[in-house]
Amino acid sequence: LREGRVLAVRDVQEDPSLNRAERDDFDAIKVRAHLQVPSVKDGRLVAVLCVHGSEPREWTPEEVSVAVEVAGRTWTAVE
């Protein structure tokens, strides 16, 4: 995220980067898939737009594109 790259996770229960406690935390809030779009300004991670899904999903390029656009518009409003 600090490098400005979008993180798309199809199924948090199958994500090897998460430990059991993290998977349980996602399960408790009914999140199975997530998309994270970072806002990096002046080399610093300043915000992340998160999109969650209650079922596993393959994030399409169109969905990622819309999330990136929303993150950009959100940053403009916050700034």
PDB file of N, CA and C in Angstrom:
ATOM      1  N   LEU A   1       0.818  -1.199   0.000  1.00  0.00           N
ATOM      2  CA  LEU A   1       0.000   0.000   0.000  1.00  0.00           C
ATOM      3  C   LEU A   1       0.859   1.260   0.000  1.00  0.00           C
ATOM      4  N   ARG A   2       1.970   1.230   0.726  1.00  0.00           N
ATOM      5  CA  ARG A   2       2.841   2.416   0.783  1.00  0.00           C
ATOM      6  C   ARG A   2       3.440   2.750  -0.576  1.00  0.00           C
ATOM      7  N   GLU A   3       3.475   1.770  -1.463  1.00  0.00           N
ATOM      8  CA  GLU A   3       3.995   2.001  -2.812  1.00  0.00           C
ATOM      9  C   GLU A   3       2.897   2.439  -3.772  1.00  0.00           C
ATOM     10  N   GLY A   4       1.669   2.600  -3.258  1.00  0.00           N
ATOM     11  CA  GLY A   4       0.571   3.074  -4.081  1.00  0.00           C
ATOM     12  C   GLY A   4      -0.125   1.991  -4.884  1.00  0.00           C
ATOM     13  N   ARG A   5       0.136   0.739  -4.567  1.00  0.00           N
ATOM     14  CA  ARG A   5      -0.490  -0.362  -5.309  1.00  0.00           C
ATOM     15  C   ARG A   5      -1.775  -0.828  -4.644  1.00  0.00           C
ATOM     16  N   VAL A   6      -2.773  -1.089  -5.464  1.00  0.00           N
ATOM     17  CA  VAL A   6      -4.058  -1.590  -4.991  1.00  0.00           C
ATOM     18  C   VAL A   6      -3.881  -3.029  -4.512  1.00  0.00           C
ATOM     19  N   LEU A   7      -4.543  -3.351  -3.411  1.00  0.00           N
ATOM     20  CA  LEU A   7      -4.533  -4.707  -2.878  1.00  0.00           C
ATOM     21  C   LEU A   7      -5.927  -5.287  -3.042  1.00  0.00           C
ATOM     22  N   ALA A   8      -6.031  -6.366  -3.798  1.00  0.00           N
ATOM     23  CA  ALA A   8      -7.314  -7.040  -4.003  1.00  0.00           C
ATOM     24  C   ALA A   8      -7.199  -8.462  -3.465  1.00  0.00           C
ATOM     25  N   VAL A   9      -8.064  -8.789  -2.511  1.00  0.00           N
ATOM     26  CA  VAL A   9      -8.059 -10.121  -1.912  1.00  0.00           C
ATOM     27  C   VAL A   9      -9.380 -10.802  -2.222  1.00  0.00           C
ATOM     28  N   ARG A  10      -9.296 -11.931  -2.907  1.00  0.00           N
ATOM     29  CA  ARG A  10     -10.481 -12.684  -3.306  1.00  0.00           C
ATOM     30  C   ARG A  10     -11.180 -13.314  -2.107  1.00  0.00           C
ATOM     31  N   ASP A  11     -10.409 -13.911  -1.203  1.00  0.00           N
ATOM     32  CA  ASP A  11     -10.993 -14.593  -0.054  1.00  0.00           C
ATOM     33  C   ASP A  11     -10.026 -14.495   1.121  1.00  0.00           C
ATOM     34  N   VAL A  12     -10.396 -13.731   2.135  1.00  0.00           N
ATOM     35  CA  VAL A  12      -9.504 -13.542   3.277  1.00  0.00           C
ATOM     36  C   VAL A  12      -9.234 -14.856   3.998  1.00  0.00           C
ATOM     37  N   GLN A  13     -10.151 -15.800   3.920  1.00  0.00           N
ATOM     38  CA  GLN A  13      -9.945 -17.079   4.595  1.00  0.00           C
ATOM     39  C   GLN A  13      -8.875 -17.932   3.905  1.00  0.00           C
ATOM     40  N   GLU A  14      -8.514 -17.574   2.692  1.00  0.00           N
ATOM     41  CA  GLU A  14      -7.466 -18.284   1.959  1.00  0.00           C
ATOM     42  C   GLU A  14      -6.210 -17.444   1.765  1.00  0.00           C
ATOM     43  N   ASP A  15      -6.152 -16.267   2.364  1.00  0.00           N
ATOM     44  CA  ASP A  15      -5.022 -15.358   2.191  1.00  0.00           C
ATOM     45  C   ASP A  15      -3.870 -15.794   3.095  1.00  0.00           C
ATOM     46  N   PRO A  16      -2.761 -16.252   2.507  1.00  0.00           N
ATOM     47  CA  PRO A  16      -1.642 -16.733   3.322  1.00  0.00           C
ATOM     48  C   PRO A  16      -0.929 -15.637   4.103  1.00  0.00           C
ATOM     49  N   SER A  17      -1.185 -14.367   3.786  1.00  0.00           N
ATOM     50  CA  SER A  17      -0.533 -13.286   4.517  1.00  0.00           C
ATOM     51  C   SER A  17      -1.239 -12.976   5.844  1.00  0.00           C
ATOM     52  N   LEU A  18      -2.405 -13.579   6.052  1.00  0.00           N
ATOM     53  CA  LEU A  18      -3.163 -13.343   7.285  1.00  0.00           C
ATOM     54  C   LEU A  18      -2.989 -14.511   8.250  1.00  0.00           C
ATOM     55  N   ASN A  19      -2.905 -14.197   9.536  1.00  0.00           N
ATOM     56  CA  ASN A  19      -2.851 -15.268  10.533  1.00  0.00           C
ATOM     57  C   ASN A  19      -4.281 -15.627  10.972  1.00  0.00           C
ATOM     58  N   ARG A  20      -4.412 -16.630  11.797  1.00  0.00           N
ATOM     59  CA  ARG A  20      -5.732 -17.113  12.220  1.00  0.00           C
ATOM     60  C   ARG A  20      -6.524 -16.009  12.919  1.00  0.00           C
ATOM     61  N   ALA A  21      -5.898 -15.233  13.791  1.00  0.00           N
ATOM     62  CA  ALA A  21      -6.610 -14.161  14.508  1.00  0.00           C
ATOM     63  C   ALA A  21      -7.147 -13.121  13.527  1.00  0.00           C
ATOM     64  N   GLU A  22      -6.365 -12.761  12.515  1.00  0.00           N
ATOM     65  CA  GLU A  22      -6.820 -11.789  11.510  1.00  0.00           C
ATOM     66  C   GLU A  22      -7.986 -12.348  10.703  1.00  0.00           C
ATOM     67  N   ARG A  23      -7.890 -13.622  10.344  1.00  0.00           N
ATOM     68  CA  ARG A  23      -9.010 -14.250   9.623  1.00  0.00           C
ATOM     69  C   ARG A  23     -10.272 -14.266  10.479  1.00  0.00           C
ATOM     70  N   ASP A  24     -10.100 -14.563  11.768  1.00  0.00           N
ATOM     71  CA  ASP A  24     -11.248 -14.570  12.683  1.00  0.00           C
ATOM     72  C   ASP A  24     -11.850 -13.175  12.810  1.00  0.00           C
ATOM     73  N   ASP A  25     -10.997 -12.146  12.840  1.00  0.00           N
ATOM     74  CA  ASP A  25     -11.497 -10.771  12.906  1.00  0.00           C
ATOM     75  C   ASP A  25     -12.343 -10.433  11.685  1.00  0.00           C
ATOM     76  N   PHE A  26     -11.867 -10.813  10.499  1.00  0.00           N
ATOM     77  CA  PHE A  26     -12.649 -10.569   9.280  1.00  0.00           C
ATOM     78  C   PHE A  26     -13.953 -11.360   9.330  1.00  0.00           C
ATOM     79  N   ASP A  27     -13.891 -12.596   9.806  1.00  0.00           N
ATOM     80  CA  ASP A  27     -15.088 -13.428   9.890  1.00  0.00           C
ATOM     81  C   ASP A  27     -16.124 -12.792  10.825  1.00  0.00           C
ATOM     82  N   ALA A  28     -15.664 -12.209  11.923  1.00  0.00           N
ATOM     83  CA  ALA A  28     -16.567 -11.597  12.899  1.00  0.00           C
ATOM     84  C   ALA A  28     -17.364 -10.435  12.310  1.00  0.00           C
ATOM     85  N   ILE A  29     -16.777  -9.746  11.329  1.00  0.00           N
ATOM     86  CA  ILE A  29     -17.490  -8.618  10.701  1.00  0.00           C
ATOM     87  C   ILE A  29     -18.020  -8.978   9.306  1.00  0.00           C
ATOM     88  N   LYS A  30     -18.045 -10.291   9.030  1.00  0.00           N
ATOM     89  CA  LYS A  30     -18.639 -10.827   7.791  1.00  0.00           C
ATOM     90  C   LYS A  30     -17.941 -10.338   6.525  1.00  0.00           C
ATOM     91  N   VAL A  31     -16.612 -10.210   6.577  1.00  0.00           N
ATOM     92  CA  VAL A  31     -15.836  -9.807   5.400  1.00  0.00           C
ATOM     93  C   VAL A  31     -15.110 -11.033   4.861  1.00  0.00           C
ATOM     94  N   ARG A  32     -15.359 -11.340   3.586  1.00  0.00           N
ATOM     95  CA  ARG A  32     -14.647 -12.440   2.942  1.00  0.00           C
ATOM     96  C   ARG A  32     -13.713 -11.939   1.845  1.00  0.00           C
ATOM     97  N   ALA A  33     -14.033 -10.808   1.238  1.00  0.00           N
ATOM     98  CA  ALA A  33     -13.186 -10.250   0.178  1.00  0.00           C
ATOM     99  C   ALA A  33     -12.987  -8.771   0.469  1.00  0.00           C
ATOM    100  N   HIS A  34     -11.820  -8.272   0.081  1.00  0.00           N
ATOM    101  CA  HIS A  34     -11.620  -6.839   0.246  1.00  0.00           C
ATOM    102  C   HIS A  34     -10.696  -6.280  -0.812  1.00  0.00           C
ATOM    103  N   LEU A  35     -10.901  -5.003  -1.047  1.00  0.00           N
ATOM    104  CA  LEU A  35     -10.133  -4.238  -2.019  1.00  0.00           C
ATOM    105  C   LEU A  35      -9.646  -2.997  -1.284  1.00  0.00           C
ATOM    106  N   GLN A  36      -8.347  -2.739  -1.331  1.00  0.00           N
ATOM    107  CA  GLN A  36      -7.791  -1.573  -0.656  1.00  0.00           C
ATOM    108  C   GLN A  36      -7.078  -0.697  -1.678  1.00  0.00           C
ATOM    109  N   VAL A  37      -7.467   0.572  -1.704  1.00  0.00           N
ATOM    110  CA  VAL A  37      -6.889   1.530  -2.652  1.00  0.00           C
ATOM    111  C   VAL A  37      -6.173   2.605  -1.836  1.00  0.00           C
ATOM    112  N   PRO A  38      -4.844   2.637  -1.926  1.00  0.00           N
ATOM    113  CA  PRO A  38      -4.094   3.614  -1.129  1.00  0.00           C
ATOM    114  C   PRO A  38      -4.045   4.986  -1.785  1.00  0.00           C
ATOM    115  N   SER A  39      -3.948   6.008  -0.936  1.00  0.00           N
ATOM    116  CA  SER A  39      -3.650   7.365  -1.396  1.00  0.00           C
ATOM    117  C   SER A  39      -2.282   7.715  -0.830  1.00  0.00           C
ATOM    118  N   VAL A  40      -1.314   7.849  -1.722  1.00  0.00           N
ATOM    119  CA  VAL A  40       0.053   8.183  -1.323  1.00  0.00           C
ATOM    120  C   VAL A  40       0.324   9.610  -1.785  1.00  0.00           C
ATOM    121  N   LYS A  41       0.673  10.469  -0.846  1.00  0.00           N
ATOM    122  CA  LYS A  41       0.959  11.872  -1.147  1.00  0.00           C
ATOM    123  C   LYS A  41       2.339  12.218  -0.610  1.00  0.00           C
ATOM    124  N   ASP A  42       3.160  12.804  -1.455  1.00  0.00           N
ATOM    125  CA  ASP A  42       4.526  13.183  -1.064  1.00  0.00           C
ATOM    126  C   ASP A  42       5.286  12.002  -0.462  1.00  0.00           C
ATOM    127  N   GLY A  43       5.057  10.814  -1.033  1.00  0.00           N
ATOM    128  CA  GLY A  43       5.771   9.622  -0.584  1.00  0.00           C
ATOM    129  C   GLY A  43       5.244   9.001   0.691  1.00  0.00           C
ATOM    130  N   ARG A  44       4.113   9.508   1.194  1.00  0.00           N
ATOM    131  CA  ARG A  44       3.541   8.984   2.438  1.00  0.00           C
ATOM    132  C   ARG A  44       2.154   8.404   2.196  1.00  0.00           C
ATOM    133  N   LEU A  45       1.894   7.275   2.812  1.00  0.00           N
ATOM    134  CA  LEU A  45       0.554   6.696   2.786  1.00  0.00           C
ATOM    135  C   LEU A  45      -0.318   7.514   3.727  1.00  0.00           C
ATOM    136  N   VAL A  46      -1.326   8.187   3.177  1.00  0.00           N
ATOM    137  CA  VAL A  46      -2.144   9.085   3.997  1.00  0.00           C
ATOM    138  C   VAL A  46      -3.574   8.589   4.185  1.00  0.00           C
ATOM    139  N   ALA A  47      -4.033   7.696   3.322  1.00  0.00           N
ATOM    140  CA  ALA A  47      -5.396   7.190   3.443  1.00  0.00           C
ATOM    141  C   ALA A  47      -5.528   5.905   2.636  1.00  0.00           C
ATOM    142  N   VAL A  48      -6.517   5.103   2.999  1.00  0.00           N
ATOM    143  CA  VAL A  48      -6.818   3.887   2.253  1.00  0.00           C
ATOM    144  C   VAL A  48      -8.332   3.774   2.137  1.00  0.00           C
ATOM    145  N   LEU A  49      -8.807   3.635   0.900  1.00  0.00           N
ATOM    146  CA  LEU A  49     -10.220   3.350   0.664  1.00  0.00           C
ATOM    147  C   LEU A  49     -10.375   1.838   0.668  1.00  0.00           C
ATOM    148  N   CYS A  50     -11.266   1.324   1.513  1.00  0.00           N
ATOM    149  CA  CYS A  50     -11.491  -0.118   1.603  1.00  0.00           C
ATOM    150  C   CYS A  50     -12.897  -0.458   1.120  1.00  0.00           C
ATOM    151  N   VAL A  51     -12.967  -1.483   0.304  1.00  0.00           N
ATOM    152  CA  VAL A  51     -14.244  -2.005  -0.178  1.00  0.00           C
ATOM    153  C   VAL A  51     -14.302  -3.459   0.263  1.00  0.00           C
ATOM    154  N   HIS A  52     -15.392  -3.839   0.932  1.00  0.00           N
ATOM    155  CA  HIS A  52     -15.514  -5.190   1.454  1.00  0.00           C
ATOM    156  C   HIS A  52     -16.666  -5.929   0.792  1.00  0.00           C
ATOM    157  N   GLY A  53     -16.522  -7.237   0.737  1.00  0.00           N
ATOM    158  CA  GLY A  53     -17.597  -8.095   0.261  1.00  0.00           C
ATOM    159  C   GLY A  53     -17.824  -9.221   1.254  1.00  0.00           C
ATOM    160  N   SER A  54     -19.055  -9.651   1.398  1.00  0.00           N
ATOM    161  CA  SER A  54     -19.389 -10.701   2.362  1.00  0.00           C
ATOM    162  C   SER A  54     -19.185 -12.104   1.799  1.00  0.00           C
ATOM    163  N   GLU A  55     -18.889 -12.189   0.521  1.00  0.00           N
ATOM    164  CA  GLU A  55     -18.621 -13.469  -0.148  1.00  0.00           C
ATOM    165  C   GLU A  55     -17.301 -13.359  -0.898  1.00  0.00           C
ATOM    166  N   PRO A  56     -16.601 -14.475  -1.105  1.00  0.00           N
ATOM    167  CA  PRO A  56     -15.394 -14.407  -1.931  1.00  0.00           C
ATOM    168  C   PRO A  56     -15.755 -13.869  -3.316  1.00  0.00           C
ATOM    169  N   ARG A  57     -14.832 -13.110  -3.905  1.00  0.00           N
ATOM    170  CA  ARG A  57     -15.108 -12.564  -5.239  1.00  0.00           C
ATOM    171  C   ARG A  57     -13.810 -12.281  -5.968  1.00  0.00           C
ATOM    172  N   GLU A  58     -13.873 -12.405  -7.257  1.00  0.00           N
ATOM    173  CA  GLU A  58     -12.780 -11.977  -8.126  1.00  0.00           C
ATOM    174  C   GLU A  58     -13.060 -10.521  -8.456  1.00  0.00           C
ATOM    175  N   TRP A  59     -12.189  -9.628  -8.041  1.00  0.00           N
ATOM    176  CA  TRP A  59     -12.375  -8.212  -8.327  1.00  0.00           C
ATOM    177  C   TRP A  59     -12.057  -7.969  -9.797  1.00  0.00           C
ATOM    178  N   THR A  60     -13.000  -7.402 -10.521  1.00  0.00           N
ATOM    179  CA  THR A  60     -12.803  -7.160 -11.947  1.00  0.00           C
ATOM    180  C   THR A  60     -11.964  -5.901 -12.146  1.00  0.00           C
ATOM    181  N   PRO A  61     -11.322  -5.781 -13.304  1.00  0.00           N
ATOM    182  CA  PRO A  61     -10.595  -4.544 -13.599  1.00  0.00           C
ATOM    183  C   PRO A  61     -11.494  -3.310 -13.527  1.00  0.00           C
ATOM    184  N   GLU A  62     -12.756  -3.462 -13.915  1.00  0.00           N
ATOM    185  CA  GLU A  62     -13.689  -2.340 -13.866  1.00  0.00           C
ATOM    186  C   GLU A  62     -13.965  -1.925 -12.426  1.00  0.00           C
ATOM    187  N   GLU A  63     -14.144  -2.891 -11.535  1.00  0.00           N
ATOM    188  CA  GLU A  63     -14.383  -2.574 -10.128  1.00  0.00           C
ATOM    189  C   GLU A  63     -13.172  -1.882  -9.509  1.00  0.00           C
ATOM    190  N   VAL A  64     -11.998  -2.375  -9.848  1.00  0.00           N
ATOM    191  CA  VAL A  64     -10.771  -1.756  -9.341  1.00  0.00           C
ATOM    192  C   VAL A  64     -10.663  -0.326  -9.858  1.00  0.00           C
ATOM    193  N   SER A  65     -10.962  -0.129 -11.121  1.00  0.00           N
ATOM    194  CA  SER A  65     -10.890   1.196 -11.724  1.00  0.00           C
ATOM    195  C   SER A  65     -11.853   2.168 -11.040  1.00  0.00           C
ATOM    196  N   VAL A  66     -13.069   1.723 -10.782  1.00  0.00           N
ATOM    197  CA  VAL A  66     -14.048   2.576 -10.103  1.00  0.00           C
ATOM    198  C   VAL A  66     -13.561   2.913  -8.690  1.00  0.00           C
ATOM    199  N   ALA A  67     -13.024   1.936  -7.983  1.00  0.00           N
ATOM    200  CA  ALA A  67     -12.524   2.181  -6.625  1.00  0.00           C
ATOM    201  C   ALA A  67     -11.373   3.177  -6.639  1.00  0.00           C
ATOM    202  N   VAL A  68     -10.485   3.066  -7.612  1.00  0.00           N
ATOM    203  CA  VAL A  68      -9.371   4.015  -7.732  1.00  0.00           C
ATOM    204  C   VAL A  68      -9.901   5.416  -7.989  1.00  0.00           C
ATOM    205  N   GLU A  69     -10.902   5.532  -8.858  1.00  0.00           N
ATOM    206  CA  GLU A  69     -11.494   6.842  -9.145  1.00  0.00           C
ATOM    207  C   GLU A  69     -12.174   7.422  -7.905  1.00  0.00           C
ATOM    208  N   VAL A  70     -12.917   6.599  -7.183  1.00  0.00           N
ATOM    209  CA  VAL A  70     -13.578   7.066  -5.961  1.00  0.00           C
ATOM    210  C   VAL A  70     -12.542   7.503  -4.934  1.00  0.00           C
ATOM    211  N   ALA A  71     -11.461   6.755  -4.796  1.00  0.00           N
ATOM    212  CA  ALA A  71     -10.408   7.130  -3.849  1.00  0.00           C
ATOM    213  C   ALA A  71      -9.818   8.490  -4.216  1.00  0.00           C
ATOM    214  N   GLY A  72      -9.597   8.716  -5.495  1.00  0.00           N
ATOM    215  CA  GLY A  72      -9.072  10.005  -5.942  1.00  0.00           C
ATOM    216  C   GLY A  72     -10.035  11.139  -5.655  1.00  0.00           C
ATOM    217  N   ARG A  73     -11.301  10.925  -5.905  1.00  0.00           N
ATOM    218  CA  ARG A  73     -12.300  11.969  -5.646  1.00  0.00           C
ATOM    219  C   ARG A  73     -12.452  12.208  -4.151  1.00  0.00           C
ATOM    220  N   THR A  74     -12.381  11.134  -3.371  1.00  0.00           N
ATOM    221  CA  THR A  74     -12.479  11.266  -1.919  1.00  0.00           C
ATOM    222  C   THR A  74     -11.314  12.085  -1.390  1.00  0.00           C
ATOM    223  N   TRP A  75     -10.104  11.813  -1.886  1.00  0.00           N
ATOM    224  CA  TRP A  75      -8.944  12.563  -1.417  1.00  0.00           C
ATOM    225  C   TRP A  75      -9.090  14.048  -1.736  1.00  0.00           C
ATOM    226  N   THR A  76      -9.577  14.348  -2.924  1.00  0.00           N
ATOM    227  CA  THR A  76      -9.772  15.742  -3.317  1.00  0.00           C
ATOM    228  C   THR A  76     -10.730  16.431  -2.350  1.00  0.00           C
ATOM    229  N   ALA A  77     -11.794  15.745  -1.969  1.00  0.00           N
ATOM    230  CA  ALA A  77     -12.767  16.328  -1.039  1.00  0.00           C
ATOM    231  C   ALA A  77     -12.155  16.508   0.356  1.00  0.00           C
ATOM    232  N   VAL A  78     -11.386  15.552   0.799  1.00  0.00           N
ATOM    233  CA  VAL A  78     -10.763  15.619   2.128  1.00  0.00           C
ATOM    234  C   VAL A  78      -9.722  16.718   2.175  1.00  0.00           C
ATOM    235  N   GLU A  79      -8.939  16.802   1.106  1.00  0.00           N
ATOM    236  CA  GLU A  79      -7.865  17.801   1.045  1.00  0.00           C
ATOM    237  C   GLU A  79      -8.434  19.193   1.131  1.00  0.00           C
TER     238      GLU A  79
END
